[in-house]
Amino acid sequence: EQGFICRAASNPLARPVKEADLRDNLRQARQAGVASTKYETGLRLLDGLTG
């Protein structure tokens, strides 16, 4: 997953799509009451790579 996030961050078209995907997955995980750590981590990683 980290490798995919890194590749998406380097692509100006893919970055917003991946961010939207992670945010949607995070929202769904929270609504379902399941662990959302991997989505939170993914968003932090994406944000850190694109600053």
C-alpha atoms as a PDB file:
ATOM      1  CA  GLU A   1       0.000   0.000   0.000  1.00  0.00           C
ATOM      2  CA  GLN A   2       2.810   2.448   0.812  1.00  0.00           C
ATOM      3  CA  GLY A   3       4.398   1.920  -2.580  1.00  0.00           C
ATOM      4  CA  PHE A   4       1.123   2.633  -4.315  1.00  0.00           C
ATOM      5  CA  ILE A   5       0.632   5.807  -2.276  1.00  0.00           C
ATOM      6  CA  CYS A   6       4.147   6.949  -3.182  1.00  0.00           C
ATOM      7  CA  ARG A   7       3.488   6.349  -6.878  1.00  0.00           C
ATOM      8  CA  ALA A   8       0.126   8.126  -6.687  1.00  0.00           C
ATOM      9  CA  ALA A   9       1.717  11.102  -4.918  1.00  0.00           C
ATOM     10  CA  SER A  10       4.158  11.555  -7.777  1.00  0.00           C
ATOM     11  CA  ASN A  11       1.398  11.635 -10.397  1.00  0.00           C
ATOM     12  CA  PRO A  12      -0.573  14.913 -10.499  1.00  0.00           C
ATOM     13  CA  LEU A  13      -3.658  13.152 -11.878  1.00  0.00           C
ATOM     14  CA  ALA A  14      -3.562  10.189  -9.509  1.00  0.00           C
ATOM     15  CA  ARG A  15      -2.866  12.100  -6.294  1.00  0.00           C
ATOM     16  CA  PRO A  16      -6.325  13.671  -5.804  1.00  0.00           C
ATOM     17  CA  VAL A  17      -7.986  10.401  -6.778  1.00  0.00           C
ATOM     18  CA  LYS A  18      -5.983   8.466  -4.183  1.00  0.00           C
ATOM     19  CA  GLU A  19      -6.667  11.128  -1.550  1.00  0.00           C
ATOM     20  CA  ALA A  20     -10.410  10.947  -2.235  1.00  0.00           C
ATOM     21  CA  ASP A  21     -10.257   7.144  -2.092  1.00  0.00           C
ATOM     22  CA  LEU A  22      -8.458   7.174   1.262  1.00  0.00           C
ATOM     23  CA  ARG A  23     -10.888   9.750   2.692  1.00  0.00           C
ATOM     24  CA  ASP A  24     -13.877   7.713   1.528  1.00  0.00           C
ATOM     25  CA  ASN A  25     -12.434   4.508   2.978  1.00  0.00           C
ATOM     26  CA  LEU A  26     -11.690   6.317   6.242  1.00  0.00           C
ATOM     27  CA  ARG A  27     -15.272   7.595   6.447  1.00  0.00           C
ATOM     28  CA  GLN A  28     -16.685   4.139   5.761  1.00  0.00           C
ATOM     29  CA  ALA A  29     -14.400   2.492   8.319  1.00  0.00           C
ATOM     30  CA  ARG A  30     -15.417   4.985  10.995  1.00  0.00           C
ATOM     31  CA  GLN A  31     -19.111   4.519  10.200  1.00  0.00           C
ATOM     32  CA  ALA A  32     -18.725   0.753  10.423  1.00  0.00           C
ATOM     33  CA  GLY A  33     -16.781   1.015  13.665  1.00  0.00           C
ATOM     34  CA  VAL A  34     -13.757  -0.815  12.313  1.00  0.00           C
ATOM     35  CA  ALA A  35     -10.078   0.107  12.487  1.00  0.00           C
ATOM     36  CA  SER A  36      -9.253   3.110  10.339  1.00  0.00           C
ATOM     37  CA  THR A  37      -5.547   3.338  11.119  1.00  0.00           C
ATOM     38  CA  LYS A  38      -4.334   2.284   7.671  1.00  0.00           C
ATOM     39  CA  TYR A  39      -6.385   5.016   5.992  1.00  0.00           C
ATOM     40  CA  GLU A  40      -5.232   7.659   8.465  1.00  0.00           C
ATOM     41  CA  THR A  41      -1.637   6.542   7.932  1.00  0.00           C
ATOM     42  CA  GLY A  42      -2.100   6.614   4.164  1.00  0.00           C
ATOM     43  CA  LEU A  43      -3.449  10.167   4.273  1.00  0.00           C
ATOM     44  CA  ARG A  44      -0.545  11.320   6.460  1.00  0.00           C
ATOM     45  CA  LEU A  45       1.935   9.657   4.112  1.00  0.00           C
ATOM     46  CA  LEU A  46       0.309  11.212   1.053  1.00  0.00           C
ATOM     47  CA  ASP A  47       0.264  14.629   2.701  1.00  0.00           C
ATOM     48  CA  GLY A  48       3.901  14.287   3.759  1.00  0.00           C
ATOM     49  CA  LEU A  49       4.992  13.375   0.246  1.00  0.00           C
ATOM     50  CA  THR A  50       3.227  16.275  -1.386  1.00  0.00           C
ATOM     51  CA  GLY A  51       3.522  18.725   1.485  1.00  0.00           C
END
